[in-house]
Amino acid sequence: MKIKLSKAIKHKGQEIFTLDMPLEELTGNDLIDVEKQLMQTGEVPFVTDFNKTYLINIAAKAAHIPVEILKFTSAKDFTKITNEVRNFLTLSDSDENEEEEIPEKPLETFSGE
């Protein structure tokens, strides 16, 4: 997954305009490692899938960039990055590909009488 940034970030002497985050390459062990790292810092998210600190750490792990660099992206880019990670983790393939089922006959409405 690639995310075009509104403002370049610097890493290893280079400006990065597009963040490459191959999230599909992460493993369950990678997610556990991030949780352990956060616990060591005293930041224990109650619900990880919606915790910005957890999500940006996952993004950093996937992108092989220190999290400190991603924490200082613009608010717009930070939100774009964390939303993409959250969507990747929480949406299943069936959610993305599922077509809305239309009932064969109209539902009866309650008239209140």
PDB file of N, CA and C in Angstrom:
ATOM      1  N   MET A   1       0.841  -1.168   0.000  1.00  0.00           N
ATOM      2  CA  MET A   1       0.000   0.000   0.000  1.00  0.00           C
ATOM      3  C   MET A   1       0.890   1.236   0.000  1.00  0.00           C
ATOM      4  N   LYS A   2       0.583   2.164  -0.874  1.00  0.00           N
ATOM      5  CA  LYS A   2       1.345   3.407  -0.949  1.00  0.00           C
ATOM      6  C   LYS A   2       0.429   4.578  -0.651  1.00  0.00           C
ATOM      7  N   ILE A   3       0.974   5.520   0.129  1.00  0.00           N
ATOM      8  CA  ILE A   3       0.205   6.704   0.507  1.00  0.00           C
ATOM      9  C   ILE A   3       0.976   7.938   0.061  1.00  0.00           C
ATOM     10  N   LYS A   4       0.349   8.765  -0.757  1.00  0.00           N
ATOM     11  CA  LYS A   4       0.962  10.010  -1.188  1.00  0.00           C
ATOM     12  C   LYS A   4       0.834  11.015  -0.041  1.00  0.00           C
ATOM     13  N   LEU A   5       1.958  11.570   0.356  1.00  0.00           N
ATOM     14  CA  LEU A   5       1.984  12.519   1.462  1.00  0.00           C
ATOM     15  C   LEU A   5       1.810  13.940   0.946  1.00  0.00           C
ATOM     16  N   SER A   6       1.123  14.758   1.715  1.00  0.00           N
ATOM     17  CA  SER A   6       0.936  16.153   1.314  1.00  0.00           C
ATOM     18  C   SER A   6       2.207  16.961   1.572  1.00  0.00           C
ATOM     19  N   LYS A   7       3.044  16.473   2.483  1.00  0.00           N
ATOM     20  CA  LYS A   7       4.310  17.132   2.798  1.00  0.00           C
ATOM     21  C   LYS A   7       5.365  16.037   2.969  1.00  0.00           C
ATOM     22  N   ALA A   8       6.493  16.190   2.285  1.00  0.00           N
ATOM     23  CA  ALA A   8       7.546  15.176   2.323  1.00  0.00           C
ATOM     24  C   ALA A   8       8.111  15.015   3.732  1.00  0.00           C
ATOM     25  N   ILE A   9       8.557  13.793   4.026  1.00  0.00           N
ATOM     26  CA  ILE A   9       9.267  13.525   5.278  1.00  0.00           C
ATOM     27  C   ILE A   9      10.703  13.153   4.918  1.00  0.00           C
ATOM     28  N   LYS A  10      11.609  13.368   5.857  1.00  0.00           N
ATOM     29  CA  LYS A  10      13.016  13.043   5.609  1.00  0.00           C
ATOM     30  C   LYS A  10      13.400  11.810   6.400  1.00  0.00           C
ATOM     31  N   HIS A  11      14.070  10.890   5.688  1.00  0.00           N
ATOM     32  CA  HIS A  11      14.553   9.659   6.312  1.00  0.00           C
ATOM     33  C   HIS A  11      15.840   9.246   5.621  1.00  0.00           C
ATOM     34  N   LYS A  12      16.872   9.064   6.407  1.00  0.00           N
ATOM     35  CA  LYS A  12      18.188   8.672   5.895  1.00  0.00           C
ATOM     36  C   LYS A  12      18.673   9.604   4.786  1.00  0.00           C
ATOM     37  N   GLY A  13      18.469  10.902   5.002  1.00  0.00           N
ATOM     38  CA  GLY A  13      18.955  11.901   4.060  1.00  0.00           C
ATOM     39  C   GLY A  13      18.132  12.055   2.800  1.00  0.00           C
ATOM     40  N   GLN A  14      17.022  11.345   2.711  1.00  0.00           N
ATOM     41  CA  GLN A  14      16.176  11.431   1.525  1.00  0.00           C
ATOM     42  C   GLN A  14      14.812  11.997   1.888  1.00  0.00           C
ATOM     43  N   GLU A  15      14.225  12.706   0.934  1.00  0.00           N
ATOM     44  CA  GLU A  15      12.852  13.171   1.109  1.00  0.00           C
ATOM     45  C   GLU A  15      11.913  12.110   0.546  1.00  0.00           C
ATOM     46  N   ILE A  16      10.916  11.773   1.340  1.00  0.00           N
ATOM     47  CA  ILE A  16       9.942  10.757   0.932  1.00  0.00           C
ATOM     48  C   ILE A  16       8.610  11.448   0.685  1.00  0.00           C
ATOM     49  N   PHE A  17       8.114  11.316  -0.528  1.00  0.00           N
ATOM     50  CA  PHE A  17       6.837  11.923  -0.899  1.00  0.00           C
ATOM     51  C   PHE A  17       5.709  10.894  -0.922  1.00  0.00           C
ATOM     52  N   THR A  18       6.087   9.628  -1.048  1.00  0.00           N
ATOM     53  CA  THR A  18       5.112   8.537  -1.045  1.00  0.00           C
ATOM     54  C   THR A  18       5.575   7.505  -0.035  1.00  0.00           C
ATOM     55  N   LEU A  19       4.723   7.216   0.928  1.00  0.00           N
ATOM     56  CA  LEU A  19       5.053   6.254   1.965  1.00  0.00           C
ATOM     57  C   LEU A  19       4.617   4.862   1.507  1.00  0.00           C
ATOM     58  N   ASP A  20       5.582   3.962   1.418  1.00  0.00           N
ATOM     59  CA  ASP A  20       5.290   2.595   1.013  1.00  0.00           C
ATOM     60  C   ASP A  20       5.112   1.750   2.272  1.00  0.00           C
ATOM     61  N   MET A  21       3.898   1.272   2.496  1.00  0.00           N
ATOM     62  CA  MET A  21       3.567   0.458   3.671  1.00  0.00           C
ATOM     63  C   MET A  21       2.993  -0.878   3.208  1.00  0.00           C
ATOM     64  N   PRO A  22       3.812  -1.882   2.979  1.00  0.00           N
ATOM     65  CA  PRO A  22       3.268  -3.186   2.578  1.00  0.00           C
ATOM     66  C   PRO A  22       2.646  -3.912   3.784  1.00  0.00           C
ATOM     67  N   LEU A  23       1.484  -3.451   4.187  1.00  0.00           N
ATOM     68  CA  LEU A  23       0.803  -3.998   5.370  1.00  0.00           C
ATOM     69  C   LEU A  23       0.518  -5.483   5.237  1.00  0.00           C
ATOM     70  N   GLU A  24       0.269  -5.928   4.010  1.00  0.00           N
ATOM     71  CA  GLU A  24      -0.056  -7.341   3.791  1.00  0.00           C
ATOM     72  C   GLU A  24       1.113  -8.258   4.127  1.00  0.00           C
ATOM     73  N   GLU A  25       2.305  -7.707   4.261  1.00  0.00           N
ATOM     74  CA  GLU A  25       3.474  -8.514   4.617  1.00  0.00           C
ATOM     75  C   GLU A  25       3.650  -8.671   6.131  1.00  0.00           C
ATOM     76  N   LEU A  26       2.908  -7.898   6.918  1.00  0.00           N
ATOM     77  CA  LEU A  26       3.010  -8.010   8.373  1.00  0.00           C
ATOM     78  C   LEU A  26       2.458  -9.352   8.845  1.00  0.00           C
ATOM     79  N   THR A  27       2.951  -9.796   9.985  1.00  0.00           N
ATOM     80  CA  THR A  27       2.466 -11.038  10.585  1.00  0.00           C
ATOM     81  C   THR A  27       1.809 -10.722  11.922  1.00  0.00           C
ATOM     82  N   GLY A  28       1.143 -11.703  12.476  1.00  0.00           N
ATOM     83  CA  GLY A  28       0.577 -11.547  13.814  1.00  0.00           C
ATOM     84  C   GLY A  28       1.664 -11.232  14.825  1.00  0.00           C
ATOM     85  N   ASN A  29       2.821 -11.815  14.641  1.00  0.00           N
ATOM     86  CA  ASN A  29       3.937 -11.566  15.550  1.00  0.00           C
ATOM     87  C   ASN A  29       4.359 -10.090  15.510  1.00  0.00           C
ATOM     88  N   ASP A  30       4.286  -9.466  14.337  1.00  0.00           N
ATOM     89  CA  ASP A  30       4.603  -8.040  14.224  1.00  0.00           C
ATOM     90  C   ASP A  30       3.635  -7.207  15.063  1.00  0.00           C
ATOM     91  N   LEU A  31       2.366  -7.570  15.022  1.00  0.00           N
ATOM     92  CA  LEU A  31       1.366  -6.835  15.805  1.00  0.00           C
ATOM     93  C   LEU A  31       1.614  -7.015  17.302  1.00  0.00           C
ATOM     94  N   ILE A  32       1.957  -8.227  17.691  1.00  0.00           N
ATOM     95  CA  ILE A  32       2.262  -8.503  19.103  1.00  0.00           C
ATOM     96  C   ILE A  32       3.496  -7.718  19.536  1.00  0.00           C
ATOM     97  N   ASP A  33       4.514  -7.655  18.679  1.00  0.00           N
ATOM     98  CA  ASP A  33       5.719  -6.892  19.002  1.00  0.00           C
ATOM     99  C   ASP A  33       5.397  -5.429  19.265  1.00  0.00           C
ATOM    100  N   VAL A  34       4.536  -4.850  18.450  1.00  0.00           N
ATOM    101  CA  VAL A  34       4.154  -3.448  18.644  1.00  0.00           C
ATOM    102  C   VAL A  34       3.431  -3.290  19.976  1.00  0.00           C
ATOM    103  N   GLU A  35       2.520  -4.198  20.292  1.00  0.00           N
ATOM    104  CA  GLU A  35       1.821  -4.127  21.580  1.00  0.00           C
ATOM    105  C   GLU A  35       2.803  -4.208  22.739  1.00  0.00           C
ATOM    106  N   LYS A  36       3.777  -5.114  22.652  1.00  0.00           N
ATOM    107  CA  LYS A  36       4.782  -5.255  23.709  1.00  0.00           C
ATOM    108  C   LYS A  36       5.601  -3.976  23.865  1.00  0.00           C
ATOM    109  N   GLN A  37       5.989  -3.376  22.746  1.00  0.00           N
ATOM    110  CA  GLN A  37       6.749  -2.124  22.788  1.00  0.00           C
ATOM    111  C   GLN A  37       5.949  -1.030  23.490  1.00  0.00           C
ATOM    112  N   LEU A  38       4.666  -0.941  23.181  1.00  0.00           N
ATOM    113  CA  LEU A  38       3.821   0.079  23.804  1.00  0.00           C
ATOM    114  C   LEU A  38       3.659  -0.177  25.296  1.00  0.00           C
ATOM    115  N   MET A  39       3.530  -1.432  25.678  1.00  0.00           N
ATOM    116  CA  MET A  39       3.413  -1.772  27.097  1.00  0.00           C
ATOM    117  C   MET A  39       4.669  -1.371  27.861  1.00  0.00           C
ATOM    118  N   GLN A  40       5.824  -1.530  27.221  1.00  0.00           N
ATOM    119  CA  GLN A  40       7.085  -1.165  27.867  1.00  0.00           C
ATOM    120  C   GLN A  40       7.188   0.341  28.094  1.00  0.00           C
ATOM    121  N   THR A  41       6.522   1.117  27.258  1.00  0.00           N
ATOM    122  CA  THR A  41       6.546   2.572  27.424  1.00  0.00           C
ATOM    123  C   THR A  41       5.434   3.047  28.358  1.00  0.00           C
ATOM    124  N   GLY A  42       4.585   2.123  28.780  1.00  0.00           N
ATOM    125  CA  GLY A  42       3.472   2.493  29.653  1.00  0.00           C
ATOM    126  C   GLY A  42       2.222   2.889  28.895  1.00  0.00           C
ATOM    127  N   GLU A  43       2.285   2.851  27.581  1.00  0.00           N
ATOM    128  CA  GLU A  43       1.123   3.179  26.756  1.00  0.00           C
ATOM    129  C   GLU A  43       0.412   1.881  26.400  1.00  0.00           C
ATOM    130  N   VAL A  44      -0.630   1.569  27.130  1.00  0.00           N
ATOM    131  CA  VAL A  44      -1.360   0.335  26.884  1.00  0.00           C
ATOM    132  C   VAL A  44      -2.741   0.713  26.334  1.00  0.00           C
ATOM    133  N   PRO A  45      -2.906   0.617  25.013  1.00  0.00           N
ATOM    134  CA  PRO A  45      -4.202   0.972  24.439  1.00  0.00           C
ATOM    135  C   PRO A  45      -5.275  -0.045  24.811  1.00  0.00           C
ATOM    136  N   PHE A  46      -6.447   0.463  25.183  1.00  0.00           N
ATOM    137  CA  PHE A  46      -7.557  -0.409  25.550  1.00  0.00           C
ATOM    138  C   PHE A  46      -8.083  -1.127  24.306  1.00  0.00           C
ATOM    139  N   VAL A  47      -8.305  -0.372  23.254  1.00  0.00           N
ATOM    140  CA  VAL A  47      -8.749  -0.940  21.980  1.00  0.00           C
ATOM    141  C   VAL A  47      -7.706  -0.548  20.939  1.00  0.00           C
ATOM    142  N   THR A  48      -6.860  -1.481  20.571  1.00  0.00           N
ATOM    143  CA  THR A  48      -5.724  -1.168  19.705  1.00  0.00           C
ATOM    144  C   THR A  48      -6.129  -0.703  18.317  1.00  0.00           C
ATOM    145  N   ASP A  49      -7.181  -1.272  17.752  1.00  0.00           N
ATOM    146  CA  ASP A  49      -7.543  -0.959  16.369  1.00  0.00           C
ATOM    147  C   ASP A  49      -7.963   0.492  16.152  1.00  0.00           C
ATOM    148  N   PHE A  50      -8.235   1.223  17.218  1.00  0.00           N
ATOM    149  CA  PHE A  50      -8.637   2.622  17.088  1.00  0.00           C
ATOM    150  C   PHE A  50      -7.691   3.556  17.830  1.00  0.00           C
ATOM    151  N   ASN A  51      -6.568   3.046  18.280  1.00  0.00           N
ATOM    152  CA  ASN A  51      -5.595   3.837  19.016  1.00  0.00           C
ATOM    153  C   ASN A  51      -4.535   4.364  18.049  1.00  0.00           C
ATOM    154  N   LYS A  52      -4.442   5.691  17.948  1.00  0.00           N
ATOM    155  CA  LYS A  52      -3.526   6.310  16.986  1.00  0.00           C
ATOM    156  C   LYS A  52      -2.076   5.906  17.243  1.00  0.00           C
ATOM    157  N   THR A  53      -1.674   5.793  18.503  1.00  0.00           N
ATOM    158  CA  THR A  53      -0.297   5.417  18.822  1.00  0.00           C
ATOM    159  C   THR A  53      -0.001   4.014  18.304  1.00  0.00           C
ATOM    160  N   TYR A  54      -0.915   3.095  18.534  1.00  0.00           N
ATOM    161  CA  TYR A  54      -0.751   1.725  18.043  1.00  0.00           C
ATOM    162  C   TYR A  54      -0.696   1.711  16.521  1.00  0.00           C
ATOM    163  N   LEU A  55      -1.623   2.409  15.879  1.00  0.00           N
ATOM    164  CA  LEU A  55      -1.722   2.398  14.425  1.00  0.00           C
ATOM    165  C   LEU A  55      -0.490   2.998  13.758  1.00  0.00           C
ATOM    166  N   ILE A  56       0.051   4.095  14.312  1.00  0.00           N
ATOM    167  CA  ILE A  56       1.224   4.715  13.703  1.00  0.00           C
ATOM    168  C   ILE A  56       2.457   3.832  13.905  1.00  0.00           C
ATOM    169  N   ASN A  57       2.486   3.095  15.003  1.00  0.00           N
ATOM    170  CA  ASN A  57       3.579   2.145  15.228  1.00  0.00           C
ATOM    171  C   ASN A  57       3.516   0.989  14.239  1.00  0.00           C
ATOM    172  N   ILE A  58       2.320   0.537  13.918  1.00  0.00           N
ATOM    173  CA  ILE A  58       2.150  -0.521  12.915  1.00  0.00           C
ATOM    174  C   ILE A  58       2.608   0.007  11.550  1.00  0.00           C
ATOM    175  N   ALA A  59       2.221   1.240  11.231  1.00  0.00           N
ATOM    176  CA  ALA A  59       2.632   1.847   9.959  1.00  0.00           C
ATOM    177  C   ALA A  59       4.152   1.932   9.869  1.00  0.00           C
ATOM    178  N   ALA A  60       4.781   2.349  10.949  1.00  0.00           N
ATOM    179  CA  ALA A  60       6.244   2.474  10.971  1.00  0.00           C
ATOM    180  C   ALA A  60       6.907   1.118  10.759  1.00  0.00           C
ATOM    181  N   LYS A  61       6.353   0.101  11.403  1.00  0.00           N
ATOM    182  CA  LYS A  61       6.912  -1.252  11.266  1.00  0.00           C
ATOM    183  C   LYS A  61       6.791  -1.719   9.815  1.00  0.00           C
ATOM    184  N   ALA A  62       5.645  -1.492   9.210  1.00  0.00           N
ATOM    185  CA  ALA A  62       5.424  -1.911   7.830  1.00  0.00           C
ATOM    186  C   ALA A  62       6.316  -1.139   6.854  1.00  0.00           C
ATOM    187  N   ALA A  63       6.509   0.150   7.123  1.00  0.00           N
ATOM    188  CA  ALA A  63       7.278   1.010   6.221  1.00  0.00           C
ATOM    189  C   ALA A  63       8.783   0.969   6.496  1.00  0.00           C
ATOM    190  N   HIS A  64       9.164   0.311   7.598  1.00  0.00           N
ATOM    191  CA  HIS A  64      10.578   0.240   8.004  1.00  0.00           C
ATOM    192  C   HIS A  64      11.162   1.640   8.204  1.00  0.00           C
ATOM    193  N   ILE A  65      10.361   2.474   8.880  1.00  0.00           N
ATOM    194  CA  ILE A  65      10.763   3.842   9.197  1.00  0.00           C
ATOM    195  C   ILE A  65      10.576   4.026  10.698  1.00  0.00           C
ATOM    196  N   PRO A  66      11.497   4.706  11.374  1.00  0.00           N
ATOM    197  CA  PRO A  66      11.304   4.950  12.809  1.00  0.00           C
ATOM    198  C   PRO A  66       9.987   5.685  13.064  1.00  0.00           C
ATOM    199  N   VAL A  67       9.266   5.243  14.076  1.00  0.00           N
ATOM    200  CA  VAL A  67       7.961   5.820  14.380  1.00  0.00           C
ATOM    201  C   VAL A  67       8.072   7.312  14.686  1.00  0.00           C
ATOM    202  N   GLU A  68       9.198   7.736  15.220  1.00  0.00           N
ATOM    203  CA  GLU A  68       9.379   9.151  15.552  1.00  0.00           C
ATOM    204  C   GLU A  68       9.235  10.034  14.314  1.00  0.00           C
ATOM    205  N   ILE A  69       9.663   9.526  13.169  1.00  0.00           N
ATOM    206  CA  ILE A  69       9.533  10.300  11.928  1.00  0.00           C
ATOM    207  C   ILE A  69       8.065  10.417  11.539  1.00  0.00           C
ATOM    208  N   LEU A  70       7.325   9.311  11.622  1.00  0.00           N
ATOM    209  CA  LEU A  70       5.910   9.341  11.238  1.00  0.00           C
ATOM    210  C   LEU A  70       5.063  10.152  12.209  1.00  0.00           C
ATOM    211  N   LYS A  71       5.475  10.207  13.468  1.00  0.00           N
ATOM    212  CA  LYS A  71       4.713  10.995  14.452  1.00  0.00           C
ATOM    213  C   LYS A  71       4.742  12.480  14.131  1.00  0.00           C
ATOM    214  N   PHE A  72       5.725  12.911  13.362  1.00  0.00           N
ATOM    215  CA  PHE A  72       5.841  14.330  13.056  1.00  0.00           C
ATOM    216  C   PHE A  72       5.412  14.673  11.634  1.00  0.00           C
ATOM    217  N   THR A  73       4.655  13.760  11.004  1.00  0.00           N
ATOM    218  CA  THR A  73       4.052  14.110   9.724  1.00  0.00           C
ATOM    219  C   THR A  73       2.936  15.116   9.999  1.00  0.00           C
ATOM    220  N   SER A  74       2.475  15.769   8.956  1.00  0.00           N
ATOM    221  CA  SER A  74       1.380  16.720   9.138  1.00  0.00           C
ATOM    222  C   SER A  74       0.164  15.983   9.698  1.00  0.00           C
ATOM    223  N   ALA A  75      -0.707  16.705  10.356  1.00  0.00           N
ATOM    224  CA  ALA A  75      -1.911  16.092  10.939  1.00  0.00           C
ATOM    225  C   ALA A  75      -2.725  15.380   9.862  1.00  0.00           C
ATOM    226  N   LYS A  76      -2.800  15.986   8.681  1.00  0.00           N
ATOM    227  CA  LYS A  76      -3.561  15.387   7.580  1.00  0.00           C
ATOM    228  C   LYS A  76      -2.931  14.058   7.154  1.00  0.00           C
ATOM    229  N   ASP A  77      -1.605  14.037   6.977  1.00  0.00           N
ATOM    230  CA  ASP A  77      -0.924  12.811   6.576  1.00  0.00           C
ATOM    231  C   ASP A  77      -0.973  11.766   7.682  1.00  0.00           C
ATOM    232  N   PHE A  78      -0.801  12.195   8.929  1.00  0.00           N
ATOM    233  CA  PHE A  78      -0.859  11.280  10.067  1.00  0.00           C
ATOM    234  C   PHE A  78      -2.214  10.571  10.102  1.00  0.00           C
ATOM    235  N   THR A  79      -3.270  11.340   9.923  1.00  0.00           N
ATOM    236  CA  THR A  79      -4.621  10.777   9.937  1.00  0.00           C
ATOM    237  C   THR A  79      -4.835   9.845   8.749  1.00  0.00           C
ATOM    238  N   LYS A  80      -4.337  10.226   7.590  1.00  0.00           N
ATOM    239  CA  LYS A  80      -4.460   9.374   6.394  1.00  0.00           C
ATOM    240  C   LYS A  80      -3.749   8.032   6.631  1.00  0.00           C
ATOM    241  N   ILE A  81      -2.548   8.097   7.199  1.00  0.00           N
ATOM    242  CA  ILE A  81      -1.761   6.883   7.456  1.00  0.00           C
ATOM    243  C   ILE A  81      -2.473   5.983   8.462  1.00  0.00           C
ATOM    244  N   THR A  82      -2.889   6.551   9.592  1.00  0.00           N
ATOM    245  CA  THR A  82      -3.511   5.729  10.630  1.00  0.00           C
ATOM    246  C   THR A  82      -4.864   5.184  10.179  1.00  0.00           C
ATOM    247  N   ASN A  83      -5.598   5.941   9.392  1.00  0.00           N
ATOM    248  CA  ASN A  83      -6.879   5.437   8.871  1.00  0.00           C
ATOM    249  C   ASN A  83      -6.661   4.261   7.926  1.00  0.00           C
ATOM    250  N   GLU A  84      -5.638   4.334   7.088  1.00  0.00           N
ATOM    251  CA  GLU A  84      -5.344   3.232   6.172  1.00  0.00           C
ATOM    252  C   GLU A  84      -4.970   1.964   6.941  1.00  0.00           C
ATOM    253  N   VAL A  85      -4.159   2.126   7.989  1.00  0.00           N
ATOM    254  CA  VAL A  85      -3.776   0.959   8.796  1.00  0.00           C
ATOM    255  C   VAL A  85      -5.005   0.387   9.499  1.00  0.00           C
ATOM    256  N   ARG A  86      -5.821   1.251  10.094  1.00  0.00           N
ATOM    257  CA  ARG A  86      -7.036   0.793  10.782  1.00  0.00           C
ATOM    258  C   ARG A  86      -7.950   0.045   9.816  1.00  0.00           C
ATOM    259  N   ASN A  87      -8.162   0.611   8.635  1.00  0.00           N
ATOM    260  CA  ASN A  87      -9.022  -0.046   7.650  1.00  0.00           C
ATOM    261  C   ASN A  87      -8.452  -1.395   7.234  1.00  0.00           C
ATOM    262  N   PHE A  88      -7.144  -1.461   7.055  1.00  0.00           N
ATOM    263  CA  PHE A  88      -6.510  -2.726   6.683  1.00  0.00           C
ATOM    264  C   PHE A  88      -6.741  -3.779   7.771  1.00  0.00           C
ATOM    265  N   LEU A  89      -6.603  -3.378   9.026  1.00  0.00           N
ATOM    266  CA  LEU A  89      -6.727  -4.328  10.130  1.00  0.00           C
ATOM    267  C   LEU A  89      -8.173  -4.709  10.443  1.00  0.00           C
ATOM    268  N   THR A  90      -9.101  -3.812  10.214  1.00  0.00           N
ATOM    269  CA  THR A  90     -10.470  -4.068  10.665  1.00  0.00           C
ATOM    270  C   THR A  90     -11.432  -4.514   9.557  1.00  0.00           C
ATOM    271  N   LEU A  91     -11.153  -4.155   8.316  1.00  0.00           N
ATOM    272  CA  LEU A  91     -12.047  -4.561   7.233  1.00  0.00           C
ATOM    273  C   LEU A  91     -11.597  -5.900   6.680  1.00  0.00           C
ATOM    274  N   SER A  92     -12.511  -6.830   6.615  1.00  0.00           N
ATOM    275  CA  SER A  92     -12.172  -8.127   6.026  1.00  0.00           C
ATOM    276  C   SER A  92     -12.364  -8.053   4.526  1.00  0.00           C
ATOM    277  N   ASP A  93     -11.817  -8.996   3.813  1.00  0.00           N
ATOM    278  CA  ASP A  93     -11.996  -9.043   2.366  1.00  0.00           C
ATOM    279  C   ASP A  93     -13.469  -9.123   2.002  1.00  0.00           C
ATOM    280  N   SER A  94     -14.248  -9.835   2.804  1.00  0.00           N
ATOM    281  CA  SER A  94     -15.673  -9.963   2.496  1.00  0.00           C
ATOM    282  C   SER A  94     -16.391  -8.635   2.700  1.00  0.00           C
ATOM    283  N   ASP A  95     -15.937  -7.802   3.652  1.00  0.00           N
ATOM    284  CA  ASP A  95     -16.538  -6.484   3.850  1.00  0.00           C
ATOM    285  C   ASP A  95     -16.310  -5.608   2.626  1.00  0.00           C
ATOM    286  N   GLU A  96     -15.123  -5.692   2.037  1.00  0.00           N
ATOM    287  CA  GLU A  96     -14.778  -4.846   0.909  1.00  0.00           C
ATOM    288  C   GLU A  96     -15.454  -5.302  -0.375  1.00  0.00           C
ATOM    289  N   ASN A  97     -15.696  -6.608  -0.513  1.00  0.00           N
ATOM    290  CA  ASN A  97     -16.226  -7.140  -1.757  1.00  0.00           C
ATOM    291  C   ASN A  97     -17.702  -7.501  -1.698  1.00  0.00           C
ATOM    292  N   GLU A  98     -18.274  -7.419  -0.525  1.00  0.00           N
ATOM    293  CA  GLU A  98     -19.653  -7.859  -0.358  1.00  0.00           C
ATOM    294  C   GLU A  98     -20.622  -6.866  -0.985  1.00  0.00           C
ATOM    295  N   GLU A  99     -21.494  -7.375  -1.816  1.00  0.00           N
ATOM    296  CA  GLU A  99     -22.523  -6.531  -2.411  1.00  0.00           C
ATOM    297  C   GLU A  99     -23.720  -6.499  -1.482  1.00  0.00           C
ATOM    298  N   GLU A 100     -24.389  -5.358  -1.464  1.00  0.00           N
ATOM    299  CA  GLU A 100     -25.567  -5.232  -0.619  1.00  0.00           C
ATOM    300  C   GLU A 100     -26.667  -6.118  -1.175  1.00  0.00           C
ATOM    301  N   GLU A 101     -27.250  -6.912  -0.289  1.00  0.00           N
ATOM    302  CA  GLU A 101     -28.310  -7.819  -0.709  1.00  0.00           C
ATOM    303  C   GLU A 101     -29.632  -7.061  -0.719  1.00  0.00           C
ATOM    304  N   ILE A 102     -30.354  -7.171  -1.814  1.00  0.00           N
ATOM    305  CA  ILE A 102     -31.641  -6.496  -1.952  1.00  0.00           C
ATOM    306  C   ILE A 102     -32.731  -7.543  -1.778  1.00  0.00           C
ATOM    307  N   PRO A 103     -33.675  -7.280  -0.859  1.00  0.00           N
ATOM    308  CA  PRO A 103     -34.743  -8.257  -0.652  1.00  0.00           C
ATOM    309  C   PRO A 103     -35.574  -8.430  -1.927  1.00  0.00           C
ATOM    310  N   GLU A 104     -36.089  -9.650  -2.106  1.00  0.00           N
ATOM    311  CA  GLU A 104     -36.870  -9.951  -3.306  1.00  0.00           C
ATOM    312  C   GLU A 104     -38.206  -9.225  -3.312  1.00  0.00           C
ATOM    313  N   LYS A 105     -38.823  -9.071  -2.158  1.00  0.00           N
ATOM    314  CA  LYS A 105     -40.082  -8.323  -2.121  1.00  0.00           C
ATOM    315  C   LYS A 105     -39.931  -7.216  -1.081  1.00  0.00           C
ATOM    316  N   PRO A 106     -40.634  -6.129  -1.273  1.00  0.00           N
ATOM    317  CA  PRO A 106     -40.501  -4.990  -0.340  1.00  0.00           C
ATOM    318  C   PRO A 106     -40.926  -5.398   1.066  1.00  0.00           C
ATOM    319  N   LEU A 107     -40.268  -4.832   2.048  1.00  0.00           N
ATOM    320  CA  LEU A 107     -40.627  -5.091   3.434  1.00  0.00           C
ATOM    321  C   LEU A 107     -41.895  -4.334   3.769  1.00  0.00           C
ATOM    322  N   GLU A 108     -42.706  -4.953   4.604  1.00  0.00           N
ATOM    323  CA  GLU A 108     -43.921  -4.274   5.027  1.00  0.00           C
ATOM    324  C   GLU A 108     -43.550  -3.194   6.032  1.00  0.00           C
ATOM    325  N   THR A 109     -44.226  -2.077   5.961  1.00  0.00           N
ATOM    326  CA  THR A 109     -43.945  -1.000   6.920  1.00  0.00           C
ATOM    327  C   THR A 109     -44.972  -1.024   8.018  1.00  0.00           C
ATOM    328  N   PHE A 110     -44.561  -0.643   9.191  1.00  0.00           N
ATOM    329  CA  PHE A 110     -45.433  -0.587  10.342  1.00  0.00           C
ATOM    330  C   PHE A 110     -46.199   0.713  10.308  1.00  0.00           C
ATOM    331  N   SER A 111     -47.504   0.639  10.320  1.00  0.00           N
ATOM    332  CA  SER A 111     -48.323   1.855  10.215  1.00  0.00           C
ATOM    333  C   SER A 111     -48.570   2.495  11.573  1.00  0.00           C
ATOM    334  N   GLY A 112     -48.346   1.758  12.640  1.00  0.00           N
ATOM    335  CA  GLY A 112     -48.555   2.317  13.981  1.00  0.00           C
ATOM    336  C   GLY A 112     -50.004   2.260  14.432  1.00  0.00           C
ATOM    337  N   GLU A 113     -50.865   1.644  13.665  1.00  0.00           N
ATOM    338  CA  GLU A 113     -52.286   1.577  14.039  1.00  0.00           C
ATOM    339  C   GLU A 113     -52.593   0.273  14.715  1.00  0.00           C
TER     340      GLU A 113
END
